[in-house]
Protein backbone atom coordinates (compact mmCIF):
# COMPACT_ATOMS: atom_id res chain seq x y z
CA MET A 1 -161.89 53.46 37.98
CA THR A 2 -162.58 49.90 39.03
CA ARG A 3 -165.73 48.64 40.67
CA GLU A 4 -163.87 48.23 43.95
CA ASP A 5 -162.67 51.82 43.84
CA GLN A 6 -166.18 53.01 43.06
CA ALA A 7 -167.69 50.90 45.90
CA GLY A 8 -165.08 52.21 48.34
CA LEU A 9 -165.77 55.77 47.24
CA GLU A 10 -169.52 55.28 47.67
CA GLN A 11 -168.99 53.89 51.19
CA GLU A 12 -166.80 56.86 52.08
CA ILE A 13 -169.43 59.25 50.74
CA GLU A 14 -172.10 57.51 52.85
CA ARG A 15 -169.94 57.72 56.01
CA THR A 16 -169.29 61.39 55.31
CA ARG A 17 -173.02 62.03 54.91
CA GLU A 18 -173.75 60.32 58.23
CA GLN A 19 -171.06 62.34 60.00
CA LEU A 20 -172.36 65.53 58.43
CA GLY A 21 -175.89 64.69 59.56
CA GLN A 22 -174.68 64.11 63.12
CA THR A 23 -172.74 67.37 63.06
CA VAL A 24 -175.81 69.28 61.85
CA GLU A 25 -177.93 67.70 64.61
CA ALA A 26 -175.35 68.64 67.25
CA LEU A 27 -175.18 72.22 65.98
CA ALA A 28 -178.98 72.48 65.92
CA ALA A 29 -179.15 71.23 69.51
CA LYS A 30 -176.58 73.83 70.61
CA ALA A 31 -178.50 76.58 68.83
CA ASP A 32 -181.81 75.60 70.51
CA VAL A 33 -181.49 77.88 73.54
CA LYS A 34 -185.10 77.34 74.60
CA ALA A 35 -184.63 73.58 74.87
CA GLN A 36 -181.38 74.07 76.79
CA ALA A 37 -183.13 76.42 79.22
CA ARG A 38 -185.95 73.92 79.75
CA ALA A 39 -183.49 71.10 80.39
CA LYS A 40 -181.52 73.20 82.88
CA ALA A 41 -184.73 74.28 84.64
CA ALA A 42 -185.83 70.67 84.96
CA GLN A 43 -182.43 69.73 86.35
CA VAL A 44 -182.49 72.55 88.93
CA THR A 45 -186.09 71.75 89.90
CA GLY A 46 -185.18 68.12 90.52
CA ARG A 47 -182.21 69.12 92.64
CA LEU A 48 -184.33 71.54 94.69
CA ARG A 49 -186.95 68.88 95.31
CA ARG A 50 -184.31 66.47 96.60
CA VAL A 51 -182.81 69.10 98.89
CA ALA A 52 -186.25 70.12 100.19
CA GLY A 53 -187.09 66.49 100.92
CA GLN A 54 -183.84 66.02 102.81
CA ALA A 55 -184.48 69.21 104.81
CA ALA A 56 -187.97 68.03 105.73
CA ASP A 57 -186.59 64.68 106.89
CA THR A 58 -183.95 66.41 109.01
CA GLY A 59 -186.60 68.69 110.53
CA ARG A 60 -188.75 65.72 111.50
CA GLU A 61 -185.80 63.95 113.10
CA ARG A 62 -184.86 67.03 115.12
CA ARG A 63 -188.44 67.56 116.21
CA VAL A 64 -188.59 64.02 117.59
CA GLN A 65 -185.30 64.56 119.43
CA LEU A 66 -186.57 67.83 120.90
CA VAL A 67 -189.80 66.25 122.12
CA MET A 68 -187.87 63.40 123.72
CA ALA A 69 -185.49 65.82 125.43
CA ALA A 70 -188.38 67.92 126.71
CA GLY A 71 -190.08 64.80 128.04
CA ALA A 72 -186.87 63.80 129.83
CA VAL A 73 -186.62 67.27 131.42
CA VAL A 74 -190.24 67.15 132.60
CA LEU A 75 -189.78 63.64 133.98
CA ALA A 76 -186.61 64.71 135.81
CA TRP A 77 -188.39 67.76 137.21
CA LEU A 78 -191.28 65.61 138.46
CA LEU A 79 -188.90 63.10 140.07
CA ILE A 80 -186.95 65.88 141.80
CA ALA A 81 -190.17 67.53 143.02
CA ARG A 82 -191.43 64.24 144.41
CA TRP A 83 -188.05 63.49 146.04
CA ARG A 84 -188.10 66.90 147.78
CA GLN A 85 -191.57 66.25 149.24
CA ARG A 86 -190.27 63.26 151.18
């Protein structure tokens, strides 16, 4: 076996070790059900907060529209009442 062959073999062994280490880490992450549950809970919580914020914004917008419509109805009623008195 030449030095080049030995160096190439050592490099291949090192690459294989790195790949094996990554595979073990990936398998450990898949087996960690608790961490997966926490991550999913955090994701769902974030989504719920966004949806709740959007709903609150929509509610405020509709409330403003309702108040403006009610004001227009009252103003129209007052104008009609005044017109009838003449």
